[in-house]
Amino acid sequence: MENDFFTSTFDQDQDQTQFQAPPVQPSMDRKVNIWTGRFEDESPLLEELGISFSNITQRTVLVLNPIQKEATLDVIQDVDLTGPVIFCLVFGVFLLMAGKVHFGYIYGMGVIACCAMWMLLNLMSRTGIDMGRTASILGYCLLPIVLLAGLGIVFPLNNTIGYIITFGVVLWCSKAASLMFITALQLRDQTILIMYPAGLIYACFALLALF
């Protein structure tokens, strides 16, 4: 009985060894960069993290052009939150340089604004929009108010000229956001309808830079 037990165990070990896959040898064709320790054919780290500077540049240029009448869907359809986070940080730093500590207000108002705009847009359109694209568009269109906050470091905005500039900047932001939302949702003749809630959102942010 003992011989049969050892024989069967030896046969099972042979069967496992017979059907075991050969070890995979590392490919010697891939070259390693001696300075970074990464493979040369490996994609960059920023690309793996989903950060595209070309996309950030395209959206920034689109927002900074106040006479833009149309936007391409290729630029808007990607969810990019890198630019909005950077703009919110710069906005808070500019306010801090002007003696105003409003980091909590910026991110709190941003979350509430994104949720409210997301619900409103899904009620207005049949296709709908996700929360990521809503936050991305609202964040990128905050850039003129960021510039307004930078201007407030040098020149006081709590006067008649400052009020006029702030009103124009709010219209600028709301128009850019409306253009992007209309393109993303493929809507027509609803620019003013989207500009109104967007203008209310950006007016709240402009008040932080104004007072």
N, C-alpha and C. Protein backbone atom coordinates (compact mmCIF):
# COMPACT_ATOMS: atom_id res chain seq x y z
N MET A 1 0.82 -1.21 0.00
CA MET A 1 0.00 0.00 0.00
C MET A 1 0.86 1.27 0.00
N GLU A 2 1.97 1.22 0.77
CA GLU A 2 2.83 2.40 0.82
C GLU A 2 3.48 2.65 -0.52
N ASN A 3 3.90 1.54 -1.23
CA ASN A 3 4.51 1.74 -2.54
C ASN A 3 3.52 2.36 -3.51
N ASP A 4 2.25 1.91 -3.45
CA ASP A 4 1.24 2.49 -4.33
C ASP A 4 1.03 3.97 -4.04
N PHE A 5 1.07 4.33 -2.76
CA PHE A 5 0.86 5.75 -2.39
C PHE A 5 1.99 6.62 -2.93
N PHE A 6 3.24 6.19 -2.75
CA PHE A 6 4.37 6.98 -3.25
C PHE A 6 4.39 7.00 -4.76
N THR A 7 3.98 5.89 -5.38
CA THR A 7 3.97 5.85 -6.85
C THR A 7 2.95 6.81 -7.42
N SER A 8 1.73 6.85 -6.84
CA SER A 8 0.68 7.75 -7.33
C SER A 8 1.08 9.22 -7.10
N THR A 9 1.71 9.47 -5.95
CA THR A 9 2.15 10.85 -5.68
C THR A 9 3.23 11.27 -6.65
N PHE A 10 4.14 10.35 -6.98
CA PHE A 10 5.20 10.66 -7.94
C PHE A 10 4.62 10.89 -9.34
N ASP A 11 3.59 10.10 -9.71
CA ASP A 11 2.96 10.28 -11.02
C ASP A 11 2.25 11.62 -11.10
N GLN A 12 1.56 12.06 -10.00
CA GLN A 12 0.88 13.35 -10.02
C GLN A 12 1.89 14.49 -10.16
N ASP A 13 3.04 14.35 -9.47
CA ASP A 13 4.07 15.39 -9.58
C ASP A 13 4.62 15.47 -10.99
N GLN A 14 4.76 14.31 -11.65
CA GLN A 14 5.24 14.31 -13.03
C GLN A 14 4.23 14.95 -13.97
N ASP A 15 2.93 14.66 -13.72
CA ASP A 15 1.90 15.26 -14.58
C ASP A 15 1.88 16.77 -14.43
N GLN A 16 1.99 17.25 -13.17
CA GLN A 16 2.00 18.70 -12.97
C GLN A 16 3.22 19.35 -13.61
N THR A 17 4.35 18.65 -13.51
CA THR A 17 5.57 19.19 -14.12
C THR A 17 5.47 19.18 -15.63
N GLN A 18 4.78 18.17 -16.17
CA GLN A 18 4.67 18.05 -17.62
C GLN A 18 3.82 19.16 -18.21
N PHE A 19 2.72 19.53 -17.52
CA PHE A 19 1.80 20.53 -18.07
C PHE A 19 2.08 21.94 -17.54
N GLN A 20 3.13 22.10 -16.78
CA GLN A 20 3.46 23.43 -16.28
C GLN A 20 4.05 24.29 -17.38
N ALA A 21 3.55 25.54 -17.47
CA ALA A 21 4.00 26.44 -18.52
C ALA A 21 5.45 26.84 -18.28
N PRO A 22 6.21 26.96 -19.31
CA PRO A 22 7.62 27.36 -19.15
C PRO A 22 7.71 28.78 -18.64
N PRO A 23 8.70 29.11 -17.87
CA PRO A 23 8.84 30.47 -17.35
C PRO A 23 9.04 31.48 -18.47
N VAL A 24 8.40 32.63 -18.28
CA VAL A 24 8.47 33.69 -19.28
C VAL A 24 9.77 34.44 -19.12
N GLN A 25 10.53 34.47 -20.17
CA GLN A 25 11.80 35.18 -20.14
C GLN A 25 11.57 36.65 -20.49
N PRO A 26 12.19 37.55 -19.78
CA PRO A 26 12.02 38.97 -20.10
C PRO A 26 12.56 39.30 -21.49
N SER A 27 11.81 40.15 -22.16
CA SER A 27 12.21 40.52 -23.52
C SER A 27 13.46 41.39 -23.48
N MET A 28 14.44 41.03 -24.29
CA MET A 28 15.69 41.78 -24.34
C MET A 28 15.65 42.89 -25.38
N ASP A 29 14.49 42.98 -26.12
CA ASP A 29 14.41 44.01 -27.16
C ASP A 29 14.06 45.37 -26.57
N ARG A 30 13.40 45.42 -25.40
CA ARG A 30 12.99 46.68 -24.80
C ARG A 30 14.21 47.33 -24.13
N LYS A 31 14.45 48.58 -24.48
CA LYS A 31 15.59 49.30 -23.95
C LYS A 31 15.16 50.17 -22.78
N VAL A 32 16.01 50.22 -21.79
CA VAL A 32 15.73 50.98 -20.57
C VAL A 32 16.58 52.24 -20.57
N ASN A 33 15.93 53.36 -20.26
CA ASN A 33 16.64 54.62 -20.14
C ASN A 33 17.46 54.61 -18.86
N ILE A 34 18.77 54.82 -18.98
CA ILE A 34 19.65 54.72 -17.81
C ILE A 34 19.44 55.89 -16.85
N TRP A 35 18.82 56.98 -17.31
CA TRP A 35 18.65 58.15 -16.45
C TRP A 35 17.34 58.07 -15.67
N THR A 36 16.28 57.60 -16.29
CA THR A 36 14.97 57.55 -15.63
C THR A 36 14.60 56.16 -15.14
N GLY A 37 15.25 55.12 -15.67
CA GLY A 37 14.91 53.77 -15.27
C GLY A 37 13.63 53.27 -15.88
N ARG A 38 13.10 53.95 -16.89
CA ARG A 38 11.85 53.56 -17.55
C ARG A 38 12.16 53.01 -18.94
N PHE A 39 11.26 52.15 -19.44
CA PHE A 39 11.41 51.64 -20.79
C PHE A 39 11.16 52.77 -21.78
N GLU A 40 11.90 52.74 -22.88
CA GLU A 40 11.79 53.82 -23.86
C GLU A 40 10.44 53.81 -24.57
N ASP A 41 9.83 52.61 -24.74
CA ASP A 41 8.55 52.55 -25.42
C ASP A 41 7.37 52.68 -24.45
N GLU A 42 7.64 52.99 -23.18
CA GLU A 42 6.58 53.15 -22.19
C GLU A 42 5.98 54.54 -22.30
N SER A 43 4.65 54.62 -22.15
CA SER A 43 3.98 55.90 -22.28
C SER A 43 4.36 56.82 -21.12
N PRO A 44 4.36 58.14 -21.32
CA PRO A 44 4.74 59.07 -20.25
C PRO A 44 3.79 58.98 -19.06
N LEU A 45 4.29 59.41 -17.91
CA LEU A 45 3.50 59.32 -16.68
C LEU A 45 2.26 60.21 -16.74
N LEU A 46 2.39 61.42 -17.30
CA LEU A 46 1.24 62.32 -17.38
C LEU A 46 0.15 61.74 -18.28
N GLU A 47 0.56 61.05 -19.33
CA GLU A 47 -0.43 60.42 -20.21
C GLU A 47 -1.14 59.28 -19.50
N GLU A 48 -0.42 58.53 -18.67
CA GLU A 48 -1.05 57.47 -17.91
C GLU A 48 -2.03 58.02 -16.87
N LEU A 49 -1.74 59.19 -16.33
CA LEU A 49 -2.64 59.82 -15.37
C LEU A 49 -3.80 60.56 -16.03
N GLY A 50 -3.83 60.61 -17.36
CA GLY A 50 -4.92 61.28 -18.06
C GLY A 50 -4.76 62.78 -18.16
N ILE A 51 -3.54 63.29 -18.00
CA ILE A 51 -3.28 64.73 -18.07
C ILE A 51 -2.72 65.05 -19.45
N SER A 52 -3.44 65.87 -20.19
CA SER A 52 -3.04 66.25 -21.55
C SER A 52 -2.88 67.76 -21.60
N PHE A 53 -1.65 68.23 -21.77
CA PHE A 53 -1.42 69.67 -21.83
C PHE A 53 -1.99 70.29 -23.11
N SER A 54 -2.06 69.52 -24.17
CA SER A 54 -2.65 70.04 -25.40
C SER A 54 -4.15 70.30 -25.21
N ASN A 55 -4.82 69.39 -24.51
CA ASN A 55 -6.25 69.59 -24.25
C ASN A 55 -6.47 70.77 -23.32
N ILE A 56 -5.61 70.91 -22.32
CA ILE A 56 -5.72 72.06 -21.41
C ILE A 56 -5.52 73.37 -22.17
N THR A 57 -4.55 73.38 -23.08
CA THR A 57 -4.29 74.59 -23.85
C THR A 57 -5.47 74.93 -24.76
N GLN A 58 -6.05 73.93 -25.41
CA GLN A 58 -7.18 74.17 -26.31
C GLN A 58 -8.38 74.74 -25.56
N ARG A 59 -8.68 74.18 -24.39
CA ARG A 59 -9.81 74.69 -23.63
C ARG A 59 -9.53 76.08 -23.07
N THR A 60 -8.30 76.33 -22.67
CA THR A 60 -7.96 77.65 -22.14
C THR A 60 -8.09 78.72 -23.23
N VAL A 61 -7.60 78.42 -24.41
CA VAL A 61 -7.72 79.36 -25.53
C VAL A 61 -9.17 79.58 -25.89
N LEU A 62 -9.98 78.52 -25.83
CA LEU A 62 -11.40 78.65 -26.13
C LEU A 62 -12.10 79.57 -25.14
N VAL A 63 -11.76 79.47 -23.88
CA VAL A 63 -12.38 80.32 -22.86
C VAL A 63 -11.89 81.76 -22.97
N LEU A 64 -10.62 81.95 -23.29
CA LEU A 64 -10.06 83.30 -23.36
C LEU A 64 -10.46 84.07 -24.60
N ASN A 65 -11.20 83.46 -25.50
CA ASN A 65 -11.67 84.14 -26.71
C ASN A 65 -13.13 84.53 -26.51
N PRO A 66 -13.41 85.78 -26.13
CA PRO A 66 -14.80 86.15 -25.83
C PRO A 66 -15.71 86.22 -27.05
N ILE A 67 -15.13 86.29 -28.25
CA ILE A 67 -15.95 86.38 -29.46
C ILE A 67 -16.11 85.02 -30.14
N GLN A 68 -15.73 83.95 -29.43
CA GLN A 68 -15.87 82.61 -29.99
C GLN A 68 -17.36 82.29 -30.14
N LYS A 69 -17.74 81.78 -31.31
CA LYS A 69 -19.14 81.50 -31.58
C LYS A 69 -19.47 80.01 -31.60
N GLU A 70 -18.46 79.17 -31.70
CA GLU A 70 -18.72 77.74 -31.72
C GLU A 70 -17.51 77.01 -31.13
N ALA A 71 -17.77 75.81 -30.64
CA ALA A 71 -16.72 74.99 -30.05
C ALA A 71 -16.81 73.59 -30.65
N THR A 72 -15.68 72.94 -30.77
CA THR A 72 -15.65 71.58 -31.32
C THR A 72 -15.92 70.57 -30.21
N LEU A 73 -16.62 69.52 -30.57
CA LEU A 73 -16.99 68.50 -29.59
C LEU A 73 -15.79 67.70 -29.12
N ASP A 74 -14.74 67.61 -29.96
CA ASP A 74 -13.56 66.84 -29.57
C ASP A 74 -12.85 67.44 -28.37
N VAL A 75 -12.90 68.76 -28.24
CA VAL A 75 -12.21 69.42 -27.13
C VAL A 75 -13.00 69.27 -25.83
N ILE A 76 -14.32 69.20 -25.92
CA ILE A 76 -15.17 69.24 -24.74
C ILE A 76 -15.51 67.86 -24.21
N GLN A 77 -15.51 66.86 -25.05
CA GLN A 77 -16.04 65.56 -24.64
C GLN A 77 -15.17 64.85 -23.60
N ASP A 78 -13.88 65.20 -23.51
CA ASP A 78 -13.01 64.57 -22.51
C ASP A 78 -13.21 65.22 -21.14
N VAL A 79 -13.15 64.39 -20.11
CA VAL A 79 -13.26 64.89 -18.74
C VAL A 79 -11.86 65.24 -18.25
N ASP A 80 -11.61 66.52 -18.09
CA ASP A 80 -10.30 67.01 -17.65
C ASP A 80 -10.50 67.92 -16.45
N LEU A 81 -10.07 67.47 -15.29
CA LEU A 81 -10.22 68.25 -14.06
C LEU A 81 -8.90 68.87 -13.61
N THR A 82 -7.84 68.65 -14.37
CA THR A 82 -6.54 69.22 -13.99
C THR A 82 -6.57 70.74 -14.08
N GLY A 83 -7.06 71.25 -15.19
CA GLY A 83 -7.14 72.70 -15.36
C GLY A 83 -8.03 73.37 -14.32
N PRO A 84 -9.26 72.88 -14.07
CA PRO A 84 -10.10 73.51 -13.05
C PRO A 84 -9.47 73.53 -11.66
N VAL A 85 -8.80 72.44 -11.27
CA VAL A 85 -8.17 72.41 -9.95
C VAL A 85 -7.06 73.46 -9.87
N ILE A 86 -6.27 73.57 -10.95
CA ILE A 86 -5.20 74.57 -10.97
C ILE A 86 -5.78 75.99 -10.91
N PHE A 87 -6.85 76.23 -11.67
CA PHE A 87 -7.46 77.56 -11.67
C PHE A 87 -8.03 77.92 -10.31
N CYS A 88 -8.64 76.94 -9.63
CA CYS A 88 -9.17 77.21 -8.29
C CYS A 88 -8.05 77.51 -7.30
N LEU A 89 -6.95 76.80 -7.42
CA LEU A 89 -5.80 77.07 -6.55
C LEU A 89 -5.23 78.46 -6.80
N VAL A 90 -5.08 78.81 -8.07
CA VAL A 90 -4.55 80.15 -8.41
C VAL A 90 -5.52 81.24 -7.95
N PHE A 91 -6.82 80.97 -8.09
CA PHE A 91 -7.83 81.93 -7.63
C PHE A 91 -7.70 82.17 -6.13
N GLY A 92 -7.55 81.08 -5.38
CA GLY A 92 -7.38 81.21 -3.94
C GLY A 92 -6.09 81.93 -3.57
N VAL A 93 -5.02 81.68 -4.31
CA VAL A 93 -3.74 82.34 -4.03
C VAL A 93 -3.84 83.84 -4.32
N PHE A 94 -4.50 84.20 -5.42
CA PHE A 94 -4.67 85.63 -5.74
C PHE A 94 -5.49 86.34 -4.66
N LEU A 95 -6.55 85.68 -4.19
CA LEU A 95 -7.34 86.28 -3.11
C LEU A 95 -6.52 86.39 -1.83
N LEU A 96 -5.67 85.39 -1.58
CA LEU A 96 -4.82 85.43 -0.40
C LEU A 96 -3.83 86.57 -0.48
N MET A 97 -3.31 86.84 -1.67
CA MET A 97 -2.38 87.96 -1.84
C MET A 97 -3.07 89.30 -1.66
N ALA A 98 -4.40 89.31 -1.86
CA ALA A 98 -5.17 90.54 -1.64
C ALA A 98 -5.68 90.63 -0.21
N GLY A 99 -5.28 89.67 0.65
CA GLY A 99 -5.69 89.70 2.04
C GLY A 99 -7.00 89.00 2.33
N LYS A 100 -7.42 88.09 1.45
CA LYS A 100 -8.70 87.38 1.64
C LYS A 100 -8.43 85.88 1.64
N VAL A 101 -8.84 85.21 2.69
CA VAL A 101 -8.65 83.76 2.80
C VAL A 101 -9.99 83.10 2.52
N HIS A 102 -10.16 82.60 1.29
CA HIS A 102 -11.46 82.06 0.86
C HIS A 102 -11.32 80.69 0.21
N PHE A 103 -10.34 79.90 0.60
CA PHE A 103 -10.16 78.59 -0.04
C PHE A 103 -11.37 77.69 0.21
N GLY A 104 -11.89 77.71 1.43
CA GLY A 104 -13.05 76.89 1.75
C GLY A 104 -14.29 77.32 0.98
N TYR A 105 -14.48 78.63 0.83
CA TYR A 105 -15.62 79.12 0.06
C TYR A 105 -15.51 78.72 -1.41
N ILE A 106 -14.31 78.75 -1.95
CA ILE A 106 -14.13 78.43 -3.37
C ILE A 106 -14.53 76.99 -3.66
N TYR A 107 -14.02 76.05 -2.88
CA TYR A 107 -14.31 74.65 -3.15
C TYR A 107 -15.73 74.28 -2.71
N GLY A 108 -16.22 74.91 -1.65
CA GLY A 108 -17.61 74.64 -1.24
C GLY A 108 -18.61 75.13 -2.27
N MET A 109 -18.43 76.37 -2.73
CA MET A 109 -19.31 76.90 -3.77
C MET A 109 -19.15 76.14 -5.07
N GLY A 110 -17.92 75.67 -5.34
CA GLY A 110 -17.71 74.91 -6.57
C GLY A 110 -18.47 73.60 -6.58
N VAL A 111 -18.48 72.90 -5.45
CA VAL A 111 -19.21 71.62 -5.37
C VAL A 111 -20.70 71.85 -5.51
N ILE A 112 -21.23 72.85 -4.82
CA ILE A 112 -22.66 73.14 -4.90
C ILE A 112 -23.05 73.57 -6.31
N ALA A 113 -22.20 74.39 -6.95
CA ALA A 113 -22.49 74.86 -8.30
C ALA A 113 -22.49 73.71 -9.30
N CYS A 114 -21.54 72.80 -9.18
CA CYS A 114 -21.47 71.66 -10.10
C CYS A 114 -22.69 70.75 -9.95
N CYS A 115 -23.10 70.49 -8.72
CA CYS A 115 -24.28 69.64 -8.50
C CYS A 115 -25.54 70.29 -9.03
N ALA A 116 -25.72 71.59 -8.77
CA ALA A 116 -26.92 72.28 -9.22
C ALA A 116 -26.97 72.37 -10.74
N MET A 117 -25.83 72.70 -11.37
CA MET A 117 -25.80 72.81 -12.83
C MET A 117 -25.98 71.45 -13.48
N TRP A 118 -25.44 70.41 -12.88
CA TRP A 118 -25.59 69.06 -13.42
C TRP A 118 -27.05 68.63 -13.42
N MET A 119 -27.76 68.88 -12.34
CA MET A 119 -29.18 68.51 -12.28
C MET A 119 -30.00 69.34 -13.27
N LEU A 120 -29.69 70.62 -13.38
CA LEU A 120 -30.44 71.48 -14.30
C LEU A 120 -30.24 71.07 -15.75
N LEU A 121 -29.02 70.78 -16.14
CA LEU A 121 -28.74 70.40 -17.52
C LEU A 121 -29.36 69.05 -17.88
N ASN A 122 -29.38 68.13 -16.94
CA ASN A 122 -30.01 66.83 -17.21
C ASN A 122 -31.52 66.95 -17.33
N LEU A 123 -32.11 67.96 -16.70
CA LEU A 123 -33.54 68.20 -16.86
C LEU A 123 -33.84 68.90 -18.18
N MET A 124 -32.89 69.67 -18.69
CA MET A 124 -33.12 70.44 -19.92
C MET A 124 -32.89 69.62 -21.18
N SER A 125 -32.00 68.64 -21.14
CA SER A 125 -31.62 67.92 -22.36
C SER A 125 -32.04 66.46 -22.27
N ARG A 126 -32.14 65.85 -23.43
CA ARG A 126 -32.49 64.43 -23.50
C ARG A 126 -31.26 63.54 -23.36
N THR A 127 -30.14 64.00 -23.89
CA THR A 127 -28.93 63.18 -23.85
C THR A 127 -28.32 63.16 -22.45
N GLY A 128 -28.35 64.30 -21.76
CA GLY A 128 -27.78 64.38 -20.42
C GLY A 128 -26.27 64.59 -20.45
N ILE A 129 -25.73 64.87 -19.29
CA ILE A 129 -24.30 65.12 -19.15
C ILE A 129 -23.86 64.56 -17.80
N ASP A 130 -22.63 64.09 -17.74
CA ASP A 130 -22.13 63.52 -16.50
C ASP A 130 -21.54 64.62 -15.62
N MET A 131 -21.31 64.28 -14.37
CA MET A 131 -20.82 65.26 -13.40
C MET A 131 -19.40 65.70 -13.73
N GLY A 132 -18.59 64.80 -14.27
CA GLY A 132 -17.21 65.15 -14.58
C GLY A 132 -17.10 66.24 -15.62
N ARG A 133 -17.85 66.12 -16.70
CA ARG A 133 -17.80 67.16 -17.74
C ARG A 133 -18.40 68.47 -17.26
N THR A 134 -19.43 68.39 -16.42
CA THR A 134 -20.01 69.61 -15.86
C THR A 134 -18.99 70.37 -15.03
N ALA A 135 -18.28 69.65 -14.16
CA ALA A 135 -17.25 70.29 -13.33
C ALA A 135 -16.10 70.81 -14.18
N SER A 136 -15.75 70.07 -15.23
CA SER A 136 -14.65 70.50 -16.09
C SER A 136 -14.98 71.80 -16.81
N ILE A 137 -16.18 71.90 -17.37
CA ILE A 137 -16.56 73.10 -18.12
C ILE A 137 -16.69 74.30 -17.19
N LEU A 138 -17.35 74.11 -16.05
CA LEU A 138 -17.49 75.22 -15.11
C LEU A 138 -16.13 75.68 -14.58
N GLY A 139 -15.23 74.74 -14.37
CA GLY A 139 -13.91 75.09 -13.86
C GLY A 139 -13.07 75.85 -14.87
N TYR A 140 -13.11 75.42 -16.12
CA TYR A 140 -12.33 76.13 -17.15
C TYR A 140 -12.88 77.53 -17.39
N CYS A 141 -14.19 77.68 -17.35
CA CYS A 141 -14.78 79.00 -17.60
C CYS A 141 -14.62 79.94 -16.42
N LEU A 142 -14.04 79.46 -15.32
CA LEU A 142 -13.73 80.33 -14.19
C LEU A 142 -12.48 81.17 -14.43
N LEU A 143 -11.76 80.90 -15.50
CA LEU A 143 -10.47 81.56 -15.75
C LEU A 143 -10.56 83.07 -15.82
N PRO A 144 -11.56 83.69 -16.49
CA PRO A 144 -11.62 85.17 -16.48
C PRO A 144 -11.78 85.75 -15.07
N ILE A 145 -12.48 85.06 -14.18
CA ILE A 145 -12.61 85.56 -12.81
C ILE A 145 -11.27 85.41 -12.07
N VAL A 146 -10.51 84.38 -12.41
CA VAL A 146 -9.16 84.24 -11.84
C VAL A 146 -8.30 85.44 -12.25
N LEU A 147 -8.39 85.82 -13.50
CA LEU A 147 -7.66 87.01 -13.97
C LEU A 147 -8.16 88.27 -13.28
N LEU A 148 -9.47 88.33 -13.02
CA LEU A 148 -10.02 89.47 -12.30
C LEU A 148 -9.46 89.55 -10.89
N ALA A 149 -9.33 88.40 -10.24
CA ALA A 149 -8.75 88.38 -8.90
C ALA A 149 -7.29 88.81 -8.93
N GLY A 150 -6.56 88.44 -9.98
CA GLY A 150 -5.18 88.91 -10.12
C GLY A 150 -5.12 90.41 -10.34
N LEU A 151 -6.10 90.94 -11.08
CA LEU A 151 -6.15 92.39 -11.28
C LEU A 151 -6.46 93.11 -9.97
N GLY A 152 -7.25 92.46 -9.12
CA GLY A 152 -7.62 93.08 -7.85
C GLY A 152 -6.45 93.21 -6.88
N ILE A 153 -5.36 92.50 -7.13
CA ILE A 153 -4.17 92.65 -6.28
C ILE A 153 -3.52 94.01 -6.50
N VAL A 154 -3.55 94.47 -7.76
CA VAL A 154 -2.88 95.72 -8.12
C VAL A 154 -3.82 96.92 -8.03
N PHE A 155 -5.06 96.74 -8.53
CA PHE A 155 -6.02 97.85 -8.58
C PHE A 155 -7.23 97.50 -7.72
N PRO A 156 -7.75 98.43 -6.95
CA PRO A 156 -8.97 98.17 -6.17
C PRO A 156 -10.18 98.03 -7.09
N LEU A 157 -11.00 97.04 -6.80
CA LEU A 157 -12.18 96.78 -7.63
C LEU A 157 -13.47 97.28 -7.00
N ASN A 158 -13.38 97.77 -5.76
CA ASN A 158 -14.58 98.22 -5.06
C ASN A 158 -14.90 99.67 -5.42
N ASN A 159 -15.11 99.89 -6.71
CA ASN A 159 -15.51 101.20 -7.21
C ASN A 159 -16.34 101.01 -8.47
N THR A 160 -16.72 102.11 -9.10
CA THR A 160 -17.61 102.02 -10.26
C THR A 160 -16.94 101.29 -11.42
N ILE A 161 -15.68 101.59 -11.68
CA ILE A 161 -14.97 100.92 -12.78
C ILE A 161 -14.83 99.42 -12.47
N GLY A 162 -14.54 99.11 -11.22
CA GLY A 162 -14.43 97.70 -10.83
C GLY A 162 -15.74 96.96 -11.00
N TYR A 163 -16.87 97.61 -10.70
CA TYR A 163 -18.17 96.97 -10.87
C TYR A 163 -18.45 96.68 -12.35
N ILE A 164 -18.09 97.63 -13.21
CA ILE A 164 -18.32 97.45 -14.64
C ILE A 164 -17.46 96.31 -15.18
N ILE A 165 -16.18 96.29 -14.76
CA ILE A 165 -15.29 95.21 -15.20
C ILE A 165 -15.78 93.86 -14.70
N THR A 166 -16.22 93.81 -13.46
CA THR A 166 -16.72 92.55 -12.90
C THR A 166 -17.96 92.06 -13.62
N PHE A 167 -18.86 92.98 -13.95
CA PHE A 167 -20.06 92.60 -14.70
C PHE A 167 -19.70 92.04 -16.07
N GLY A 168 -18.75 92.67 -16.75
CA GLY A 168 -18.31 92.16 -18.05
C GLY A 168 -17.64 90.80 -17.95
N VAL A 169 -16.86 90.58 -16.88
CA VAL A 169 -16.19 89.29 -16.69
C VAL A 169 -17.21 88.19 -16.42
N VAL A 170 -18.25 88.49 -15.65
CA VAL A 170 -19.29 87.49 -15.38
C VAL A 170 -20.01 87.11 -16.67
N LEU A 171 -20.31 88.10 -17.50
CA LEU A 171 -20.93 87.80 -18.81
C LEU A 171 -19.98 86.96 -19.66
N TRP A 172 -18.72 87.27 -19.61
CA TRP A 172 -17.70 86.52 -20.37
C TRP A 172 -17.69 85.05 -19.94
N CYS A 173 -17.65 84.81 -18.64
CA CYS A 173 -17.62 83.43 -18.13
C CYS A 173 -18.90 82.68 -18.47
N SER A 174 -20.03 83.32 -18.28
CA SER A 174 -21.31 82.64 -18.53
C SER A 174 -21.50 82.35 -20.01
N LYS A 175 -21.02 83.24 -20.89
CA LYS A 175 -21.14 82.99 -22.32
C LYS A 175 -20.26 81.81 -22.74
N ALA A 176 -19.04 81.76 -22.22
CA ALA A 176 -18.15 80.65 -22.55
C ALA A 176 -18.70 79.32 -22.04
N ALA A 177 -19.25 79.32 -20.82
CA ALA A 177 -19.83 78.09 -20.28
C ALA A 177 -21.05 77.66 -21.07
N SER A 178 -21.88 78.63 -21.45
CA SER A 178 -23.07 78.30 -22.25
C SER A 178 -22.69 77.72 -23.60
N LEU A 179 -21.65 78.26 -24.22
CA LEU A 179 -21.19 77.74 -25.51
C LEU A 179 -20.72 76.31 -25.39
N MET A 180 -19.96 76.01 -24.34
CA MET A 180 -19.47 74.64 -24.16
C MET A 180 -20.59 73.66 -23.83
N PHE A 181 -21.52 74.08 -22.98
CA PHE A 181 -22.62 73.19 -22.61
C PHE A 181 -23.53 72.92 -23.80
N ILE A 182 -23.78 73.93 -24.61
CA ILE A 182 -24.61 73.73 -25.80
C ILE A 182 -23.95 72.76 -26.77
N THR A 183 -22.64 72.88 -26.94
CA THR A 183 -21.92 71.96 -27.83
C THR A 183 -21.91 70.54 -27.26
N ALA A 184 -21.70 70.41 -25.96
CA ALA A 184 -21.65 69.08 -25.35
C ALA A 184 -23.01 68.40 -25.37
N LEU A 185 -24.08 69.16 -25.19
CA LEU A 185 -25.43 68.58 -25.14
C LEU A 185 -26.14 68.63 -26.49
N GLN A 186 -25.48 69.27 -27.48
CA GLN A 186 -26.05 69.38 -28.83
C GLN A 186 -27.43 70.04 -28.79
N LEU A 187 -27.48 71.18 -28.10
CA LEU A 187 -28.71 71.95 -28.00
C LEU A 187 -28.66 73.12 -28.98
N ARG A 188 -29.82 73.69 -29.24
CA ARG A 188 -29.92 74.83 -30.15
C ARG A 188 -30.84 75.89 -29.54
N ASP A 189 -30.45 77.15 -29.79
CA ASP A 189 -31.27 78.30 -29.39
C ASP A 189 -31.59 78.31 -27.89
N GLN A 190 -30.64 77.87 -27.08
CA GLN A 190 -30.84 77.89 -25.64
C GLN A 190 -29.65 78.54 -24.92
N THR A 191 -29.00 79.44 -25.63
CA THR A 191 -27.82 80.10 -25.06
C THR A 191 -28.18 80.93 -23.84
N ILE A 192 -29.21 81.76 -23.97
CA ILE A 192 -29.61 82.63 -22.86
C ILE A 192 -30.13 81.80 -21.69
N LEU A 193 -30.80 80.70 -21.99
CA LEU A 193 -31.37 79.86 -20.95
C LEU A 193 -30.29 79.22 -20.08
N ILE A 194 -29.14 78.93 -20.68
CA ILE A 194 -28.03 78.36 -19.91
C ILE A 194 -27.15 79.46 -19.33
N MET A 195 -27.08 80.60 -19.99
CA MET A 195 -26.26 81.70 -19.48
C MET A 195 -26.79 82.23 -18.16
N TYR A 196 -28.10 82.18 -17.94
CA TYR A 196 -28.67 82.75 -16.71
C TYR A 196 -28.18 82.01 -15.46
N PRO A 197 -28.36 80.69 -15.36
CA PRO A 197 -27.83 80.02 -14.14
C PRO A 197 -26.31 80.06 -14.06
N ALA A 198 -25.64 79.99 -15.22
CA ALA A 198 -24.18 80.07 -15.20
C ALA A 198 -23.72 81.45 -14.71
N GLY A 199 -24.45 82.49 -15.11
CA GLY A 199 -24.11 83.83 -14.64
C GLY A 199 -24.29 83.98 -13.14
N LEU A 200 -25.32 83.35 -12.58
CA LEU A 200 -25.52 83.40 -11.14
C LEU A 200 -24.36 82.71 -10.41
N ILE A 201 -23.90 81.61 -10.97
CA ILE A 201 -22.78 80.89 -10.35
C ILE A 201 -21.52 81.74 -10.35
N TYR A 202 -21.19 82.30 -11.52
CA TYR A 202 -19.96 83.07 -11.62
C TYR A 202 -20.06 84.42 -10.90
N ALA A 203 -21.28 84.92 -10.72
CA ALA A 203 -21.44 86.14 -9.94
C ALA A 203 -21.07 85.91 -8.48
N CYS A 204 -21.36 84.71 -7.97
CA CYS A 204 -20.96 84.38 -6.59
C CYS A 204 -19.44 84.35 -6.44
N PHE A 205 -18.77 83.78 -7.43
CA PHE A 205 -17.31 83.77 -7.38
C PHE A 205 -16.73 85.17 -7.56
N ALA A 206 -17.39 85.98 -8.39
CA ALA A 206 -16.90 87.34 -8.61
C ALA A 206 -17.02 88.19 -7.36
N LEU A 207 -18.02 87.90 -6.54
CA LEU A 207 -18.18 88.64 -5.28
C LEU A 207 -17.00 88.41 -4.33
N LEU A 208 -16.42 87.20 -4.41
CA LEU A 208 -15.24 86.93 -3.60
C LEU A 208 -14.06 87.80 -3.99
N ALA A 209 -13.94 88.06 -5.29
CA ALA A 209 -12.84 88.90 -5.76
C ALA A 209 -13.14 90.39 -5.60
N LEU A 210 -14.44 90.71 -5.53
CA LEU A 210 -14.82 92.11 -5.49
C LEU A 210 -14.73 92.69 -4.09
N PHE A 211 -15.22 91.96 -3.10
CA PHE A 211 -15.29 92.47 -1.73
C PHE A 211 -14.34 91.72 -0.82
